[in-house]
Protein backbone atom coordinates (compact mmCIF):
# COMPACT_ATOMS: atom_id res chain seq x y z
CA UNK A 1 0.00 0.00 0.00
CA UNK A 2 1.33 3.45 -0.94
CA UNK A 3 1.81 5.66 2.10
CA UNK A 4 3.42 9.01 2.74
CA UNK A 5 5.88 7.21 5.02
CA UNK A 6 6.99 5.13 2.03
CA UNK A 7 7.64 8.32 0.04
CA UNK A 8 9.74 9.68 2.91
CA UNK A 9 11.60 6.37 3.09
CA UNK A 10 12.32 6.70 -0.63
CA UNK A 11 13.64 10.21 -0.04
CA UNK A 12 16.05 8.87 2.57
CA UNK A 13 17.23 5.99 0.34
CA UNK A 14 17.71 8.26 -2.68
CA UNK A 15 19.97 10.74 -0.87
CA UNK A 16 22.98 8.68 -1.91
CA UNK A 17 22.20 8.73 -5.64
CA UNK A 18 19.73 11.48 -6.63
CA UNK A 19 20.32 15.22 -7.07
CA UNK A 20 17.83 17.54 -5.37
CA UNK A 21 17.19 19.60 -8.50
CA UNK A 22 16.69 23.31 -7.86
CA UNK A 23 13.50 25.23 -8.55
CA UNK A 24 14.19 27.74 -11.36
CA UNK A 25 12.05 30.91 -11.81
CA UNK A 26 10.95 31.23 -15.44
CA UNK A 27 8.86 34.40 -15.58
CA UNK A 28 9.85 35.04 -19.21
CA UNK A 29 8.01 31.92 -20.43
CA UNK A 30 4.52 33.36 -19.90
CA UNK A 31 3.77 36.95 -18.92
CA UNK A 32 0.53 36.24 -17.02
CA UNK A 33 1.82 33.42 -14.82
CA UNK A 34 4.45 32.94 -12.14
CA UNK A 35 6.14 29.92 -13.72
CA UNK A 36 8.83 27.90 -11.98
CA UNK A 37 10.65 24.88 -13.37
CA UNK A 38 11.63 21.64 -11.64
CA UNK A 39 14.43 20.57 -14.03
CA UNK A 40 14.61 16.77 -13.72
CA UNK A 41 16.31 16.90 -17.13
CA UNK A 42 19.41 17.80 -15.07
CA UNK A 43 18.99 14.67 -12.96
CA UNK A 44 21.41 11.77 -13.08
CA UNK A 45 20.75 9.82 -16.34
CA UNK A 46 18.92 12.90 -17.67
CA UNK A 47 15.46 12.20 -16.22
CA UNK A 48 13.43 11.61 -13.06
CA UNK A 49 13.28 7.86 -13.70
CA UNK A 50 16.35 7.09 -11.58
CA UNK A 51 14.26 7.94 -8.50
CA UNK A 52 11.67 5.19 -8.92
CA UNK A 53 13.95 2.55 -10.37
CA UNK A 54 16.67 2.94 -7.74
CA UNK A 55 14.19 2.82 -4.87
CA UNK A 56 12.43 -0.23 -6.31
CA UNK A 57 15.69 -2.12 -6.78
CA UNK A 58 16.78 -1.20 -3.25
CA UNK A 59 13.71 -3.08 -1.97
CA UNK A 60 14.39 -6.34 -3.82
CA UNK A 61 15.16 -9.49 -1.83
CA UNK A 62 18.50 -11.24 -2.25
CA UNK A 63 16.71 -14.00 -4.13
CA UNK A 64 15.14 -11.54 -6.56
CA UNK A 65 18.50 -9.87 -7.12
CA UNK A 66 20.15 -13.25 -7.77
CA UNK A 67 17.65 -14.05 -10.54
CA UNK A 68 18.51 -10.83 -12.37
CA UNK A 69 16.13 -8.09 -13.45
CA UNK A 70 14.38 -7.04 -16.63
CA UNK A 71 12.51 -3.88 -17.64
CA UNK A 72 10.76 -2.35 -20.61
CA UNK A 73 11.28 1.26 -21.57
CA UNK A 74 11.38 3.82 -24.35
CA UNK A 75 14.66 5.05 -22.90
CA UNK A 76 14.57 6.97 -19.63
CA UNK A 77 13.42 4.14 -17.35
CA UNK A 78 15.94 1.98 -19.18
CA UNK A 79 18.81 4.20 -18.10
CA UNK A 80 17.51 4.49 -14.54
CA UNK A 81 17.19 0.71 -14.17
CA UNK A 82 20.53 0.04 -15.88
CA UNK A 83 22.45 2.43 -13.63
CA UNK A 84 20.66 1.20 -10.49
CA UNK A 85 21.40 -2.41 -11.43
CA UNK A 86 25.04 -1.54 -12.08
CA UNK A 87 25.31 0.10 -8.63
CA UNK A 88 23.77 -3.01 -7.02
CA UNK A 89 25.78 -5.50 -9.09
CA UNK A 90 22.67 -7.13 -10.57
CA UNK A 91 22.45 -8.60 -14.13
CA UNK A 92 20.04 -6.46 -16.15
CA UNK A 93 18.13 -6.77 -19.44
CA UNK A 94 16.12 -3.92 -20.97
CA UNK A 95 13.54 -4.36 -23.75
CA UNK A 96 13.24 -1.16 -25.78
CA UNK A 97 11.18 -0.24 -28.88
CA UNK A 98 13.31 -0.35 -32.02
CA UNK A 99 12.24 3.26 -32.63
CA UNK A 100 13.96 4.43 -29.42
CA UNK A 101 16.49 7.23 -29.99
CA UNK A 102 19.98 5.86 -30.57
CA UNK A 103 21.29 8.12 -27.81
CA UNK A 104 19.03 6.43 -25.25
CA UNK A 105 19.90 2.94 -26.45
CA UNK A 106 23.64 3.62 -26.29
CA UNK A 107 23.37 5.32 -22.90
CA UNK A 108 21.54 2.27 -21.53
CA UNK A 109 24.24 -0.04 -22.86
CA UNK A 110 26.92 2.17 -21.31
CA UNK A 111 25.55 1.30 -17.84
CA UNK A 112 26.16 -2.38 -18.53
CA UNK A 113 22.63 -3.48 -19.46
CA UNK A 114 21.80 -6.05 -22.12
CA UNK A 115 19.49 -4.21 -24.55
CA UNK A 116 16.84 -6.12 -26.52
CA UNK A 117 15.27 -4.02 -29.31
CA UNK A 118 11.63 -4.88 -30.04
CA UNK A 119 9.66 -3.89 -33.14
CA UNK A 120 6.85 -1.44 -32.35
CA UNK A 121 6.19 0.97 -29.47
CA UNK A 122 6.60 0.78 -25.70
CA UNK A 123 3.70 -1.62 -25.19
CA UNK A 124 5.31 -4.12 -27.57
CA UNK A 125 8.57 -3.98 -25.62
CA UNK A 126 6.57 -4.52 -22.42
CA UNK A 127 5.02 -7.70 -23.81
CA UNK A 128 8.45 -9.03 -24.79
CA UNK A 129 9.87 -8.18 -21.37
CA UNK A 130 7.03 -10.06 -19.68
CA UNK A 131 7.64 -13.06 -21.92
CA UNK A 132 11.34 -13.15 -21.03
CA UNK A 133 10.53 -12.52 -17.39
CA UNK A 134 8.45 -15.72 -17.18
CA UNK A 135 10.77 -17.75 -19.39
CA UNK A 136 13.98 -16.87 -17.50
CA UNK A 137 12.49 -16.31 -14.01
CA UNK A 138 13.67 -12.69 -13.91
CA UNK A 139 12.41 -9.89 -11.65
CA UNK A 140 10.43 -7.29 -13.59
CA UNK A 141 10.97 -3.60 -12.76
CA UNK A 142 7.83 -1.82 -13.95
CA UNK A 143 8.36 1.71 -15.32
CA UNK A 144 5.31 3.19 -13.61
CA UNK A 145 2.66 0.78 -12.25
CA UNK A 146 4.45 -0.18 -9.04
CA UNK A 147 4.07 1.32 -5.56
CA UNK A 148 7.81 1.49 -4.87
CA UNK A 149 8.44 3.16 -8.23
CA UNK A 150 5.59 5.61 -7.59
CA UNK A 151 6.98 6.37 -4.12
CA UNK A 152 10.37 7.13 -5.64
CA UNK A 153 8.83 9.55 -8.13
CA UNK A 154 6.83 11.09 -5.28
CA UNK A 155 10.04 12.47 -3.78
CA UNK A 156 9.79 15.20 -6.44
CA UNK A 157 6.56 16.35 -4.79
CA UNK A 158 8.27 16.49 -1.40
CA UNK A 159 11.13 18.53 -2.83
CA UNK A 160 8.83 21.02 -4.57
CA UNK A 161 6.88 21.76 -1.38
CA UNK A 162 10.14 22.07 0.55
CA UNK A 163 11.65 24.44 -2.01
CA UNK A 164 8.63 26.68 -2.73
CA UNK A 165 6.32 27.37 0.20
CA UNK A 166 3.67 29.30 -1.71
CA UNK A 167 3.24 26.95 -4.69
CA UNK A 168 -0.37 26.87 -5.94
CA UNK A 169 -0.14 24.23 -8.66
CA UNK A 170 2.18 21.60 -10.11
CA UNK A 171 2.03 20.64 -13.80
CA UNK A 172 3.31 17.17 -14.60
CA UNK A 173 3.92 15.19 -17.83
CA UNK A 174 2.01 11.89 -18.11
CA UNK A 175 2.86 8.68 -19.92
CA UNK A 176 1.80 5.64 -17.92
CA UNK A 177 1.20 7.82 -14.87
CA UNK A 178 3.98 6.91 -12.42
CA UNK A 179 5.39 10.42 -12.13
CA UNK A 180 2.11 12.26 -11.65
CA UNK A 181 0.83 9.57 -9.27
CA UNK A 182 3.83 10.00 -6.99
CA UNK A 183 3.90 13.79 -7.18
CA UNK A 184 0.13 14.13 -6.68
CA UNK A 185 0.02 11.64 -3.79
CA UNK A 186 2.87 13.30 -1.92
CA UNK A 187 1.84 16.90 -2.59
CA UNK A 188 -1.86 16.43 -1.81
CA UNK A 189 -1.11 14.58 1.42
CA UNK A 190 1.03 17.46 2.64
CA UNK A 191 -0.93 20.34 1.09
CA UNK A 192 -4.51 19.33 0.15
CA UNK A 193 -5.25 22.74 -1.39
CA UNK A 194 -2.60 22.40 -4.08
CA UNK A 195 -3.73 21.80 -7.66
CA UNK A 196 -2.16 18.99 -9.67
CA UNK A 197 -2.49 19.09 -13.44
CA UNK A 198 -1.35 16.44 -15.89
CA UNK A 199 -0.33 16.91 -19.53
CA UNK A 200 -0.18 14.39 -22.36
CA UNK A 201 0.73 14.56 -26.02
CA UNK A 202 -2.53 14.73 -28.00
CA UNK A 203 -1.36 11.81 -30.15
CA UNK A 204 -0.77 9.59 -27.10
CA UNK A 205 -3.57 10.64 -24.76
CA UNK A 206 -4.43 7.36 -23.00
CA UNK A 207 -4.57 8.78 -19.45
CA UNK A 208 -6.46 11.84 -20.70
CA UNK A 209 -9.14 9.67 -22.30
CA UNK A 210 -9.26 7.38 -19.27
CA UNK A 211 -9.58 10.34 -16.88
CA UNK A 212 -12.37 11.95 -18.92
CA UNK A 213 -14.34 8.69 -19.38
CA UNK A 214 -13.78 7.40 -15.86
CA UNK A 215 -12.36 4.06 -16.95
CA UNK A 216 -9.01 2.69 -18.05
CA UNK A 217 -8.81 3.19 -21.82
CA UNK A 218 -6.34 1.46 -24.14
CA UNK A 219 -5.50 3.23 -27.41
CA UNK A 220 -5.02 1.33 -30.68
CA UNK A 221 -1.89 3.29 -31.49
CA UNK A 222 0.17 6.31 -30.44
CA UNK A 223 2.23 8.62 -32.64
CA UNK A 224 4.31 11.34 -31.01
CA UNK A 225 7.94 12.42 -31.04
CA UNK A 226 7.58 12.66 -27.23
CA UNK A 227 8.70 9.03 -27.02
CA UNK A 228 9.01 9.10 -23.23
CA UNK A 229 5.22 9.34 -22.85
CA UNK A 230 4.14 7.31 -25.92
CA UNK A 231 2.10 4.80 -23.90
CA UNK A 232 -1.07 3.10 -25.17
CA UNK A 233 -2.75 2.64 -21.79
CA UNK A 234 -2.28 3.86 -18.19
CA UNK A 235 -1.29 1.62 -15.32
CA UNK A 236 -3.96 0.06 -13.13
CA UNK A 237 -2.54 1.53 -9.92
CA UNK A 238 -1.59 4.86 -11.45
CA UNK A 239 -5.06 5.39 -12.93
CA UNK A 240 -6.68 4.89 -9.52
CA UNK A 241 -4.28 7.37 -7.90
CA UNK A 242 -4.79 9.89 -10.70
CA UNK A 243 -8.59 9.67 -10.32
CA UNK A 244 -8.27 10.45 -6.62
CA UNK A 245 -5.55 13.10 -6.53
CA UNK A 246 -5.25 14.84 -9.93
CA UNK A 247 -7.43 17.88 -10.63
CA UNK A 248 -7.39 17.82 -14.43
CA UNK A 249 -5.52 16.54 -17.48
CA UNK A 250 -5.00 18.39 -20.77
CA UNK A 251 -3.28 17.63 -24.06
CA UNK A 252 -0.83 19.53 -26.24
CA UNK A 253 -0.04 19.19 -29.94
CA UNK A 254 3.27 18.19 -31.51
CA UNK A 255 3.85 21.79 -32.65
CA UNK A 256 3.12 23.12 -29.16
CA UNK A 257 5.63 20.66 -27.68
CA UNK A 258 8.21 21.77 -30.24
CA UNK A 259 7.60 25.43 -29.37
CA UNK A 260 8.08 24.65 -25.67
CA UNK A 261 11.39 22.88 -26.34
CA UNK A 262 12.57 25.89 -28.36
CA UNK A 263 11.47 28.32 -25.62
CA UNK A 264 13.28 26.34 -22.91
CA UNK A 265 16.45 26.30 -25.01
CA UNK A 266 16.34 29.96 -25.92
CA UNK A 267 15.04 31.58 -22.74
CA UNK A 268 16.11 29.17 -19.99
CA UNK A 269 19.19 27.53 -21.58
CA UNK A 270 17.67 24.12 -20.78
CA UNK A 271 17.46 21.12 -23.10
CA UNK A 272 14.22 19.17 -22.68
CA UNK A 273 12.98 16.16 -24.61
CA UNK A 274 9.43 16.12 -25.95
CA UNK A 275 8.00 14.29 -22.94
CA UNK A 276 9.77 16.68 -20.59
CA UNK A 277 8.47 19.82 -22.28
CA UNK A 278 4.72 19.06 -22.34
CA UNK A 279 4.19 20.70 -18.94
CA UNK A 280 5.71 23.95 -20.20
CA UNK A 281 3.70 23.69 -23.44
CA UNK A 282 0.46 23.53 -21.43
CA UNK A 283 1.42 26.68 -19.53
CA UNK A 284 2.61 28.54 -22.64
CA UNK A 285 -0.54 27.86 -24.64
CA UNK A 286 -3.06 28.59 -21.88
CA UNK A 287 -4.36 25.05 -21.48
CA UNK A 288 -4.80 25.39 -17.70
CA UNK A 289 -6.52 27.78 -15.21
CA UNK A 290 -3.24 29.00 -13.69
CA UNK A 291 -3.30 32.73 -14.41
CA UNK A 292 -1.64 34.68 -11.60
CA UNK A 293 -0.74 31.49 -9.70
CA UNK A 294 2.62 30.20 -8.53
CA UNK A 295 3.04 27.20 -10.80
CA UNK A 296 5.80 24.59 -10.95
CA UNK A 297 6.23 22.79 -14.28
CA UNK A 298 8.11 19.51 -13.95
CA UNK A 299 10.57 19.01 -16.81
CA UNK A 300 10.73 15.25 -16.60
CA UNK A 301 13.67 14.58 -18.93
CA UNK A 302 16.25 15.99 -21.33
CA UNK A 303 17.30 12.96 -23.35
CA UNK A 304 16.28 14.29 -26.74
CA UNK A 305 17.51 12.62 -29.92
CA UNK A 306 20.04 15.03 -31.43
CA UNK A 307 18.90 13.95 -34.90
CA UNK A 308 15.46 15.56 -34.49
CA UNK A 309 16.47 18.79 -32.79
CA UNK A 310 16.68 20.66 -36.10
CA UNK A 311 13.15 19.56 -37.07
CA UNK A 312 11.82 20.36 -33.62
CA UNK A 313 13.35 23.84 -33.72
CA UNK A 314 11.91 24.51 -37.19
CA UNK A 315 8.42 23.52 -36.04
CA UNK A 316 8.81 25.65 -32.94
CA UNK A 317 9.91 28.66 -34.98
CA UNK A 318 6.92 28.30 -37.31
CA UNK A 319 4.38 28.03 -34.49
CA UNK A 320 5.80 30.99 -32.59
CA UNK A 321 5.91 33.22 -35.69
CA UNK A 322 9.70 33.28 -35.85
CA UNK A 323 9.76 31.84 -39.35
CA UNK A 324 7.25 31.68 -42.20
CA UNK A 325 7.06 31.24 -45.94
CA UNK A 326 5.04 33.23 -48.47
CA UNK A 327 3.98 31.80 -51.82
CA UNK A 328 3.42 34.64 -54.28
CA UNK A 329 1.90 34.38 -57.76
CA UNK A 330 3.93 36.62 -60.09
CA UNK A 331 4.08 37.67 -63.70
CA UNK A 332 7.41 36.22 -64.82
CA UNK A 333 9.37 39.34 -65.75
CA UNK A 334 12.61 41.03 -64.58
CA UNK A 335 12.57 42.93 -61.26
CA UNK A 336 9.82 40.98 -59.49
CA UNK A 337 12.11 39.28 -56.98
CA UNK A 338 13.81 42.60 -56.25
CA UNK A 339 10.45 44.22 -55.52
CA UNK A 340 9.41 41.45 -53.12
CA UNK A 341 12.80 41.49 -51.39
CA UNK A 342 12.69 45.27 -50.84
CA UNK A 343 9.30 45.05 -49.14
CA UNK A 344 10.42 42.25 -46.84
CA UNK A 345 13.66 44.07 -46.05
CA UNK A 346 12.08 47.40 -45.19
CA UNK A 347 9.73 45.59 -42.79
CA UNK A 348 12.65 43.96 -40.98
CA UNK A 349 12.27 40.44 -42.33
CA UNK A 350 15.26 38.28 -43.26
CA UNK A 351 15.01 36.09 -46.38
CA UNK A 352 16.65 32.69 -45.80
CA UNK A 353 15.41 30.62 -48.77
CA UNK A 354 13.83 31.14 -52.22
CA UNK A 355 12.15 28.62 -54.50
CA UNK A 356 11.02 29.48 -58.06
CA UNK A 357 8.37 27.41 -59.86
CA UNK A 358 7.15 28.16 -63.40
CA UNK A 359 5.97 24.64 -64.22
CA UNK A 360 2.60 24.49 -62.46
CA UNK A 361 -0.03 23.51 -65.10
CA UNK A 362 -2.65 25.67 -63.33
CA UNK A 363 -0.68 28.86 -64.01
CA UNK A 364 -0.61 31.04 -67.04
CA UNK A 365 2.39 30.48 -69.33
CA UNK A 366 3.82 33.88 -68.39
CA UNK A 367 3.42 33.38 -64.62
CA UNK A 368 5.37 31.71 -61.82
CA UNK A 369 5.15 30.91 -58.14
CA UNK A 370 7.75 32.41 -55.83
CA UNK A 371 8.06 30.65 -52.45
CA UNK A 372 10.13 32.75 -50.10
CA UNK A 373 11.07 31.72 -46.53
CA UNK A 374 11.56 34.54 -44.06
CA UNK A 375 12.82 34.89 -40.49
CA UNK A 376 10.40 37.06 -38.55
CA UNK A 377 9.81 38.33 -34.98
CA UNK A 378 6.26 37.12 -34.28
CA UNK A 379 2.84 36.64 -35.89
CA UNK A 380 2.14 40.39 -35.94
CA UNK A 381 5.37 40.91 -37.87
CA UNK A 382 4.31 38.27 -40.41
CA UNK A 383 0.96 39.98 -40.90
CA UNK A 384 2.66 43.36 -41.39
CA UNK A 385 4.91 41.98 -44.17
CA UNK A 386 1.99 40.18 -45.82
CA UNK A 387 -0.19 43.30 -45.81
CA UNK A 388 2.60 45.41 -47.29
CA UNK A 389 3.11 42.87 -50.10
CA UNK A 390 -0.61 42.93 -50.90
CA UNK A 391 -0.73 46.73 -50.72
CA UNK A 392 2.00 46.85 -53.36
CA UNK A 393 0.08 44.64 -55.75
CA UNK A 394 1.59 41.24 -55.02
CA UNK A 395 -0.74 38.25 -54.94
CA UNK A 396 0.06 36.24 -51.78
CA UNK A 397 -1.65 32.91 -52.44
CA UNK A 398 -0.33 31.03 -49.43
CA UNK A 399 1.31 31.69 -46.09
CA UNK A 400 2.68 28.96 -43.84
CA UNK A 401 2.36 29.50 -40.09
């Protein structure tokens, strides 16, 4: 049974391994809110997962340790289990989706774990881990649906209340629900008035759907670059805790997550993965009733695949109005590009790419399409440039935002 004493016991056990991450003021993320960050992306192994996995493994019997352990993970739990097993001298196997970022796979191997890549998503790796668990008589370390794991994650709630006396709300990313279950349980037991909000990627919203419908819902598929929370269904234990202690759950889009990652990089000098940034995305895009409140957003991890950072930044720039592209229908004659460029320049835009197309069968023979990509300041700046182009007789047929 999960108790507040168990969470305090976890806090005591974790002193030897876990960093007490500082609360960081982030007032420049949203003007109408008092936002603070709990940067678990700066934690050992790059995420909060070390808390739950280390505490769980510390509670294993000698017999369970002798059998060896196995876990399933998209990457962060994998690293937490692998490092904890290495510290305890326990043989360790991790089943990971074959779509897991290479950086997470290699980091897990670096802690001495045997990695088994499984075709599909997290739930497929879970099924394979359970198969091997029974076949080889291993001890399974669940990533979220385990009371010891939940207690370990709950130490974040204890730290937040200890570090910020006047906190009104905590915003927490949700995958299977282990993190929010622990944080909500600990925080609500110590401060019942506090609000706990969960955030999921809209394309992997299993806990959101379960919470709204009042029953545990399994999704047919998930599709999000926030791989750390790409879970098809919540845990049994975590869902019950969430129903009791969480005030609301919202979702954010892929573009909103990308914009949050970009904002954290640019304004806070913090690198967050997709799963870690959803809490900030919810605050940035007004998904929660937190105006004027003291709000802590938990950044659950920072193990982002370096290969997608460029794409993530581009999407973030587009959504925030920092980059756009205009497609302009022109009469194909000398001086047209110069005219367009002068208008963009005098409005403070910076042209970074140009594409010329005179082969569209829908156009007149003497016409062309000019697609011009521009660095801008915000959406108002984009509208100003567009209006000036139109006022000078240019036919803007498309604008990407």
